[in-house]
Amino acid sequence: MVVSEKKYKLISEGLPVAERAARISEYDGLLDDFVKGKAGTVRVDYPDKSTKALMAALRTRVKKRDLKIKVAMRKGNIYLTKA
């Protein structure tokens, strides 16, 4: 019986910690500008985005970043208010 040489090796090694890049949203700049600004409340005008999609995205980013901002919809417009 002829044993052929294996083309691979199995090396005992611990699993490295996965490096995960921080995700940056297209809305982070908008939120940063609002936080740095002097206005307490602003209306957001964001062309090419539906009002509902914009509101959901902003609320998600505010919650994820733990910002003291309230997102509200009034008469079809989105408003940001510093809390």
PDB file of N, CA and C in Angstrom:
ATOM      1  N   MET A   1       0.832  -1.172   0.000  1.00  0.00           N
ATOM      2  CA  MET A   1       0.000   0.000   0.000  1.00  0.00           C
ATOM      3  C   MET A   1       0.886   1.248   0.000  1.00  0.00           C
ATOM      4  N   VAL A   2       0.635   2.125  -0.951  1.00  0.00           N
ATOM      5  CA  VAL A   2       1.431   3.339  -1.108  1.00  0.00           C
ATOM      6  C   VAL A   2       0.631   4.516  -0.563  1.00  0.00           C
ATOM      7  N   VAL A   3       1.239   5.244   0.355  1.00  0.00           N
ATOM      8  CA  VAL A   3       0.582   6.423   0.934  1.00  0.00           C
ATOM      9  C   VAL A   3       1.132   7.648   0.218  1.00  0.00           C
ATOM     10  N   SER A   4       0.231   8.398  -0.408  1.00  0.00           N
ATOM     11  CA  SER A   4       0.690   9.597  -1.118  1.00  0.00           C
ATOM     12  C   SER A   4       0.848  10.758  -0.132  1.00  0.00           C
ATOM     13  N   GLU A   5       1.753  11.635  -0.452  1.00  0.00           N
ATOM     14  CA  GLU A   5       2.021  12.789   0.398  1.00  0.00           C
ATOM     15  C   GLU A   5       0.879  13.790   0.259  1.00  0.00           C
ATOM     16  N   LYS A   6       0.410  14.343   1.382  1.00  0.00           N
ATOM     17  CA  LYS A   6      -0.695  15.295   1.361  1.00  0.00           C
ATOM     18  C   LYS A   6      -0.193  16.671   0.943  1.00  0.00           C
ATOM     19  N   LYS A   7      -1.055  17.386   0.203  1.00  0.00           N
ATOM     20  CA  LYS A   7      -0.691  18.701  -0.302  1.00  0.00           C
ATOM     21  C   LYS A   7      -1.082  19.820   0.659  1.00  0.00           C
ATOM     22  N   TYR A   8      -1.613  19.460   1.794  1.00  0.00           N
ATOM     23  CA  TYR A   8      -2.060  20.475   2.743  1.00  0.00           C
ATOM     24  C   TYR A   8      -1.541  20.151   4.133  1.00  0.00           C
ATOM     25  N   LYS A   9      -1.651  21.176   5.022  1.00  0.00           N
ATOM     26  CA  LYS A   9      -1.257  21.009   6.415  1.00  0.00           C
ATOM     27  C   LYS A   9      -2.393  21.514   7.290  1.00  0.00           C
ATOM     28  N   LEU A  10      -2.616  20.919   8.426  1.00  0.00           N
ATOM     29  CA  LEU A  10      -3.559  21.398   9.421  1.00  0.00           C
ATOM     30  C   LEU A  10      -2.748  21.937  10.586  1.00  0.00           C
ATOM     31  N   ILE A  11      -2.902  23.222  10.854  1.00  0.00           N
ATOM     32  CA  ILE A  11      -2.100  23.894  11.863  1.00  0.00           C
ATOM     33  C   ILE A  11      -3.002  24.306  13.013  1.00  0.00           C
ATOM     34  N   SER A  12      -2.693  23.862  14.199  1.00  0.00           N
ATOM     35  CA  SER A  12      -3.469  24.216  15.386  1.00  0.00           C
ATOM     36  C   SER A  12      -3.208  25.678  15.725  1.00  0.00           C
ATOM     37  N   GLU A  13      -4.286  26.486  15.724  1.00  0.00           N
ATOM     38  CA  GLU A  13      -4.137  27.919  15.945  1.00  0.00           C
ATOM     39  C   GLU A  13      -5.458  28.491  16.439  1.00  0.00           C
ATOM     40  N   GLY A  14      -5.393  29.476  17.317  1.00  0.00           N
ATOM     41  CA  GLY A  14      -6.600  30.136  17.816  1.00  0.00           C
ATOM     42  C   GLY A  14      -7.211  31.028  16.742  1.00  0.00           C
ATOM     43  N   LEU A  15      -8.522  31.232  16.840  1.00  0.00           N
ATOM     44  CA  LEU A  15      -9.235  32.075  15.886  1.00  0.00           C
ATOM     45  C   LEU A  15      -8.978  33.548  16.199  1.00  0.00           C
ATOM     46  N   PRO A  16      -8.433  34.315  15.242  1.00  0.00           N
ATOM     47  CA  PRO A  16      -8.169  35.745  15.489  1.00  0.00           C
ATOM     48  C   PRO A  16      -9.478  36.522  15.627  1.00  0.00           C
ATOM     49  N   VAL A  17      -9.412  37.619  16.347  1.00  0.00           N
ATOM     50  CA  VAL A  17     -10.566  38.489  16.509  1.00  0.00           C
ATOM     51  C   VAL A  17     -10.833  39.187  15.179  1.00  0.00           C
ATOM     52  N   ALA A  18     -12.088  39.191  14.765  1.00  0.00           N
ATOM     53  CA  ALA A  18     -12.464  39.818  13.496  1.00  0.00           C
ATOM     54  C   ALA A  18     -12.382  41.334  13.626  1.00  0.00           C
ATOM     55  N   GLU A  19     -11.727  41.952  12.668  1.00  0.00           N
ATOM     56  CA  GLU A  19     -11.651  43.404  12.643  1.00  0.00           C
ATOM     57  C   GLU A  19     -12.837  43.908  11.849  1.00  0.00           C
ATOM     58  N   ARG A  20     -13.542  44.855  12.436  1.00  0.00           N
ATOM     59  CA  ARG A  20     -14.739  45.350  11.787  1.00  0.00           C
ATOM     60  C   ARG A  20     -14.627  46.852  11.610  1.00  0.00           C
ATOM     61  N   ALA A  21     -14.758  47.285  10.398  1.00  0.00           N
ATOM     62  CA  ALA A  21     -14.668  48.709  10.111  1.00  0.00           C
ATOM     63  C   ALA A  21     -15.938  49.408  10.596  1.00  0.00           C
ATOM     64  N   ALA A  22     -15.778  50.604  11.108  1.00  0.00           N
ATOM     65  CA  ALA A  22     -16.933  51.380  11.555  1.00  0.00           C
ATOM     66  C   ALA A  22     -17.739  51.795  10.339  1.00  0.00           C
ATOM     67  N   ARG A  23     -19.030  51.617  10.439  1.00  0.00           N
ATOM     68  CA  ARG A  23     -19.892  52.019   9.327  1.00  0.00           C
ATOM     69  C   ARG A  23     -20.242  53.492   9.454  1.00  0.00           C
ATOM     70  N   ILE A  24     -20.184  54.156   8.348  1.00  0.00           N
ATOM     71  CA  ILE A  24     -20.534  55.568   8.319  1.00  0.00           C
ATOM     72  C   ILE A  24     -21.732  55.720   7.391  1.00  0.00           C
ATOM     73  N   SER A  25     -22.755  56.343   7.895  1.00  0.00           N
ATOM     74  CA  SER A  25     -23.978  56.536   7.134  1.00  0.00           C
ATOM     75  C   SER A  25     -23.907  57.848   6.361  1.00  0.00           C
ATOM     76  N   GLU A  26     -24.668  57.921   5.288  1.00  0.00           N
ATOM     77  CA  GLU A  26     -24.732  59.165   4.529  1.00  0.00           C
ATOM     78  C   GLU A  26     -25.407  60.272   5.345  1.00  0.00           C
ATOM     79  N   TYR A  27     -26.086  59.902   6.431  1.00  0.00           N
ATOM     80  CA  TYR A  27     -26.785  60.882   7.256  1.00  0.00           C
ATOM     81  C   TYR A  27     -25.936  61.398   8.421  1.00  0.00           C
ATOM     82  N   ASP A  28     -24.789  60.810   8.653  1.00  0.00           N
ATOM     83  CA  ASP A  28     -23.938  61.232   9.766  1.00  0.00           C
ATOM     84  C   ASP A  28     -23.468  62.676   9.612  1.00  0.00           C
ATOM     85  N   GLY A  29     -23.132  63.073   8.418  1.00  0.00           N
ATOM     86  CA  GLY A  29     -22.701  64.455   8.177  1.00  0.00           C
ATOM     87  C   GLY A  29     -23.813  65.443   8.476  1.00  0.00           C
ATOM     88  N   LEU A  30     -25.025  65.102   8.060  1.00  0.00           N
ATOM     89  CA  LEU A  30     -26.191  65.938   8.319  1.00  0.00           C
ATOM     90  C   LEU A  30     -26.404  66.096   9.822  1.00  0.00           C
ATOM     91  N   LEU A  31     -26.345  64.990  10.556  1.00  0.00           N
ATOM     92  CA  LEU A  31     -26.541  65.027  12.009  1.00  0.00           C
ATOM     93  C   LEU A  31     -25.416  65.785  12.700  1.00  0.00           C
ATOM     94  N   ASP A  32     -24.174  65.592  12.238  1.00  0.00           N
ATOM     95  CA  ASP A  32     -23.035  66.315  12.821  1.00  0.00           C
ATOM     96  C   ASP A  32     -23.179  67.828  12.626  1.00  0.00           C
ATOM     97  N   ASP A  33     -23.610  68.230  11.421  1.00  0.00           N
ATOM     98  CA  ASP A  33     -23.805  69.653  11.144  1.00  0.00           C
ATOM     99  C   ASP A  33     -24.880  70.243  12.050  1.00  0.00           C
ATOM    100  N   PHE A  34     -25.943  69.490  12.288  1.00  0.00           N
ATOM    101  CA  PHE A  34     -27.014  69.963  13.162  1.00  0.00           C
ATOM    102  C   PHE A  34     -26.533  70.112  14.602  1.00  0.00           C
ATOM    103  N   VAL A  35     -25.792  69.118  15.089  1.00  0.00           N
ATOM    104  CA  VAL A  35     -25.292  69.169  16.468  1.00  0.00           C
ATOM    105  C   VAL A  35     -24.348  70.354  16.653  1.00  0.00           C
ATOM    106  N   LYS A  36     -23.502  70.634  15.666  1.00  0.00           N
ATOM    107  CA  LYS A  36     -22.538  71.735  15.753  1.00  0.00           C
ATOM    108  C   LYS A  36     -23.194  73.108  15.577  1.00  0.00           C
ATOM    109  N   GLY A  37     -24.343  73.126  14.910  1.00  0.00           N
ATOM    110  CA  GLY A  37     -25.016  74.396  14.632  1.00  0.00           C
ATOM    111  C   GLY A  37     -25.668  75.001  15.855  1.00  0.00           C
ATOM    112  N   LYS A  38     -26.107  76.247  15.714  1.00  0.00           N
ATOM    113  CA  LYS A  38     -26.705  76.982  16.827  1.00  0.00           C
ATOM    114  C   LYS A  38     -28.217  76.779  16.921  1.00  0.00           C
ATOM    115  N   ALA A  39     -28.847  76.406  15.833  1.00  0.00           N
ATOM    116  CA  ALA A  39     -30.309  76.282  15.817  1.00  0.00           C
ATOM    117  C   ALA A  39     -30.770  75.115  16.685  1.00  0.00           C
ATOM    118  N   GLY A  40     -31.855  75.324  17.411  1.00  0.00           N
ATOM    119  CA  GLY A  40     -32.409  74.278  18.264  1.00  0.00           C
ATOM    120  C   GLY A  40     -33.302  73.324  17.486  1.00  0.00           C
ATOM    121  N   THR A  41     -33.952  73.851  16.443  1.00  0.00           N
ATOM    122  CA  THR A  41     -34.827  73.040  15.597  1.00  0.00           C
ATOM    123  C   THR A  41     -34.604  73.431  14.148  1.00  0.00           C
ATOM    124  N   VAL A  42     -34.524  72.420  13.278  1.00  0.00           N
ATOM    125  CA  VAL A  42     -34.367  72.675  11.844  1.00  0.00           C
ATOM    126  C   VAL A  42     -35.303  71.762  11.056  1.00  0.00           C
ATOM    127  N   ARG A  43     -35.677  72.221   9.878  1.00  0.00           N
ATOM    128  CA  ARG A  43     -36.421  71.385   8.932  1.00  0.00           C
ATOM    129  C   ARG A  43     -35.409  70.793   7.971  1.00  0.00           C
ATOM    130  N   VAL A  44     -35.511  69.506   7.694  1.00  0.00           N
ATOM    131  CA  VAL A  44     -34.564  68.815   6.819  1.00  0.00           C
ATOM    132  C   VAL A  44     -35.146  68.736   5.413  1.00  0.00           C
ATOM    133  N   ASP A  45     -34.426  69.270   4.453  1.00  0.00           N
ATOM    134  CA  ASP A  45     -34.797  69.173   3.042  1.00  0.00           C
ATOM    135  C   ASP A  45     -33.779  68.262   2.384  1.00  0.00           C
ATOM    136  N   TYR A  46     -34.205  67.044   2.025  1.00  0.00           N
ATOM    137  CA  TYR A  46     -33.295  66.057   1.455  1.00  0.00           C
ATOM    138  C   TYR A  46     -33.926  65.523   0.171  1.00  0.00           C
ATOM    139  N   PRO A  47     -33.587  66.115  -0.974  1.00  0.00           N
ATOM    140  CA  PRO A  47     -34.189  65.691  -2.246  1.00  0.00           C
ATOM    141  C   PRO A  47     -33.899  64.222  -2.564  1.00  0.00           C
ATOM    142  N   ASP A  48     -34.752  63.618  -3.321  1.00  0.00           N
ATOM    143  CA  ASP A  48     -34.605  62.240  -3.797  1.00  0.00           C
ATOM    144  C   ASP A  48     -34.777  61.188  -2.706  1.00  0.00           C
ATOM    145  N   LYS A  49     -35.287  61.562  -1.544  1.00  0.00           N
ATOM    146  CA  LYS A  49     -35.584  60.602  -0.481  1.00  0.00           C
ATOM    147  C   LYS A  49     -37.038  60.785  -0.077  1.00  0.00           C
ATOM    148  N   SER A  50     -37.733  59.675   0.095  1.00  0.00           N
ATOM    149  CA  SER A  50     -39.107  59.793   0.569  1.00  0.00           C
ATOM    150  C   SER A  50     -39.081  60.228   2.026  1.00  0.00           C
ATOM    151  N   THR A  51     -40.138  60.898   2.441  1.00  0.00           N
ATOM    152  CA  THR A  51     -40.206  61.425   3.803  1.00  0.00           C
ATOM    153  C   THR A  51     -40.124  60.300   4.829  1.00  0.00           C
ATOM    154  N   LYS A  52     -40.854  59.217   4.586  1.00  0.00           N
ATOM    155  CA  LYS A  52     -40.854  58.101   5.536  1.00  0.00           C
ATOM    156  C   LYS A  52     -39.491  57.418   5.617  1.00  0.00           C
ATOM    157  N   ALA A  53     -38.845  57.226   4.479  1.00  0.00           N
ATOM    158  CA  ALA A  53     -37.521  56.589   4.470  1.00  0.00           C
ATOM    159  C   ALA A  53     -36.496  57.470   5.184  1.00  0.00           C
ATOM    160  N   LEU A  54     -36.565  58.771   4.939  1.00  0.00           N
ATOM    161  CA  LEU A  54     -35.647  59.714   5.584  1.00  0.00           C
ATOM    162  C   LEU A  54     -35.852  59.720   7.097  1.00  0.00           C
ATOM    163  N   MET A  55     -37.097  59.740   7.512  1.00  0.00           N
ATOM    164  CA  MET A  55     -37.392  59.750   8.943  1.00  0.00           C
ATOM    165  C   MET A  55     -36.885  58.481   9.619  1.00  0.00           C
ATOM    166  N   ALA A  56     -37.130  57.332   9.006  1.00  0.00           N
ATOM    167  CA  ALA A  56     -36.667  56.060   9.576  1.00  0.00           C
ATOM    168  C   ALA A  56     -35.146  56.014   9.660  1.00  0.00           C
ATOM    169  N   ALA A  57     -34.472  56.462   8.612  1.00  0.00           N
ATOM    170  CA  ALA A  57     -33.010  56.436   8.582  1.00  0.00           C
ATOM    171  C   ALA A  57     -32.426  57.374   9.639  1.00  0.00           C
ATOM    172  N   LEU A  58     -32.983  58.557   9.766  1.00  0.00           N
ATOM    173  CA  LEU A  58     -32.472  59.512  10.758  1.00  0.00           C
ATOM    174  C   LEU A  58     -32.704  58.999  12.175  1.00  0.00           C
ATOM    175  N   ARG A  59     -33.870  58.446  12.432  1.00  0.00           N
ATOM    176  CA  ARG A  59     -34.141  57.895  13.769  1.00  0.00           C
ATOM    177  C   ARG A  59     -33.178  56.756  14.098  1.00  0.00           C
ATOM    178  N   THR A  60     -32.884  55.924  13.116  1.00  0.00           N
ATOM    179  CA  THR A  60     -31.958  54.813  13.324  1.00  0.00           C
ATOM    180  C   THR A  60     -30.567  55.325  13.663  1.00  0.00           C
ATOM    181  N   ARG A  61     -30.088  56.308  12.924  1.00  0.00           N
ATOM    182  CA  ARG A  61     -28.744  56.848  13.175  1.00  0.00           C
ATOM    183  C   ARG A  61     -28.675  57.577  14.517  1.00  0.00           C
ATOM    184  N   VAL A  62     -29.725  58.319  14.861  1.00  0.00           N
ATOM    185  CA  VAL A  62     -29.752  59.025  16.142  1.00  0.00           C
ATOM    186  C   VAL A  62     -29.682  58.015  17.285  1.00  0.00           C
ATOM    187  N   LYS A  63     -30.453  56.940  17.178  1.00  0.00           N
ATOM    188  CA  LYS A  63     -30.457  55.917  18.230  1.00  0.00           C
ATOM    189  C   LYS A  63     -29.118  55.192  18.298  1.00  0.00           C
ATOM    190  N   LYS A  64     -28.579  54.817  17.137  1.00  0.00           N
ATOM    191  CA  LYS A  64     -27.320  54.078  17.099  1.00  0.00           C
ATOM    192  C   LYS A  64     -26.167  54.900  17.676  1.00  0.00           C
ATOM    193  N   ARG A  65     -26.168  56.186  17.392  1.00  0.00           N
ATOM    194  CA  ARG A  65     -25.097  57.062  17.871  1.00  0.00           C
ATOM    195  C   ARG A  65     -25.396  57.666  19.240  1.00  0.00           C
ATOM    196  N   ASP A  66     -26.566  57.364  19.785  1.00  0.00           N
ATOM    197  CA  ASP A  66     -26.982  57.846  21.100  1.00  0.00           C
ATOM    198  C   ASP A  66     -26.905  59.377  21.189  1.00  0.00           C
ATOM    199  N   LEU A  67     -27.464  60.029  20.173  1.00  0.00           N
ATOM    200  CA  LEU A  67     -27.480  61.487  20.127  1.00  0.00           C
ATOM    201  C   LEU A  67     -28.720  62.012  20.842  1.00  0.00           C
ATOM    202  N   LYS A  68     -28.627  63.205  21.374  1.00  0.00           N
ATOM    203  CA  LYS A  68     -29.749  63.852  22.062  1.00  0.00           C
ATOM    204  C   LYS A  68     -30.534  64.692  21.048  1.00  0.00           C
ATOM    205  N   ILE A  69     -31.131  63.995  20.078  1.00  0.00           N
ATOM    206  CA  ILE A  69     -31.887  64.642  19.008  1.00  0.00           C
ATOM    207  C   ILE A  69     -33.226  63.930  18.877  1.00  0.00           C
ATOM    208  N   LYS A  70     -34.275  64.725  18.683  1.00  0.00           N
ATOM    209  CA  LYS A  70     -35.593  64.166  18.402  1.00  0.00           C
ATOM    210  C   LYS A  70     -35.894  64.383  16.923  1.00  0.00           C
ATOM    211  N   VAL A  71     -36.470  63.372  16.290  1.00  0.00           N
ATOM    212  CA  VAL A  71     -36.849  63.446  14.884  1.00  0.00           C
ATOM    213  C   VAL A  71     -38.373  63.429  14.834  1.00  0.00           C
ATOM    214  N   ALA A  72     -38.960  64.414  14.163  1.00  0.00           N
ATOM    215  CA  ALA A  72     -40.415  64.503  14.105  1.00  0.00           C
ATOM    216  C   ALA A  72     -40.874  64.824  12.687  1.00  0.00           C
ATOM    217  N   MET A  73     -42.114  64.403  12.373  1.00  0.00           N
ATOM    218  CA  MET A  73     -42.714  64.733  11.093  1.00  0.00           C
ATOM    219  C   MET A  73     -43.947  65.595  11.358  1.00  0.00           C
ATOM    220  N   ARG A  74     -44.011  66.739  10.688  1.00  0.00           N
ATOM    221  CA  ARG A  74     -45.154  67.633  10.792  1.00  0.00           C
ATOM    222  C   ARG A  74     -45.509  68.123   9.396  1.00  0.00           C
ATOM    223  N   LYS A  75     -46.739  67.920   8.999  1.00  0.00           N
ATOM    224  CA  LYS A  75     -47.253  68.377   7.692  1.00  0.00           C
ATOM    225  C   LYS A  75     -46.355  67.939   6.543  1.00  0.00           C
ATOM    226  N   GLY A  76     -45.861  66.700   6.624  1.00  0.00           N
ATOM    227  CA  GLY A  76     -45.048  66.147   5.535  1.00  0.00           C
ATOM    228  C   GLY A  76     -43.596  66.572   5.526  1.00  0.00           C
ATOM    229  N   ASN A  77     -43.160  67.280   6.549  1.00  0.00           N
ATOM    230  CA  ASN A  77     -41.769  67.726   6.654  1.00  0.00           C
ATOM    231  C   ASN A  77     -41.100  67.044   7.849  1.00  0.00           C
ATOM    232  N   ILE A  78     -39.775  66.839   7.729  1.00  0.00           N
ATOM    233  CA  ILE A  78     -38.997  66.233   8.805  1.00  0.00           C
ATOM    234  C   ILE A  78     -38.273  67.347   9.562  1.00  0.00           C
ATOM    235  N   TYR A  79     -38.345  67.282  10.890  1.00  0.00           N
ATOM    236  CA  TYR A  79     -37.696  68.266  11.751  1.00  0.00           C
ATOM    237  C   TYR A  79     -36.761  67.569  12.725  1.00  0.00           C
ATOM    238  N   LEU A  80     -35.635  68.191  12.999  1.00  0.00           N
ATOM    239  CA  LEU A  80     -34.708  67.745  14.026  1.00  0.00           C
ATOM    240  C   LEU A  80     -34.726  68.768  15.152  1.00  0.00           C
ATOM    241  N   THR A  81     -34.816  68.271  16.386  1.00  0.00           N
ATOM    242  CA  THR A  81     -34.828  69.147  17.559  1.00  0.00           C
ATOM    243  C   THR A  81     -33.802  68.645  18.550  1.00  0.00           C
ATOM    244  N   LYS A  82     -33.012  69.565  19.073  1.00  0.00           N
ATOM    245  CA  LYS A  82     -32.044  69.192  20.106  1.00  0.00           C
ATOM    246  C   LYS A  82     -32.814  68.953  21.405  1.00  0.00           C
ATOM    247  N   ALA A  83     -32.529  67.805  22.020  1.00  0.00           N
ATOM    248  CA  ALA A  83     -33.244  67.447  23.249  1.00  0.00           C
ATOM    249  C   ALA A  83     -32.479  67.891  24.479  1.00  0.00           C
TER     250      ALA A  83
END
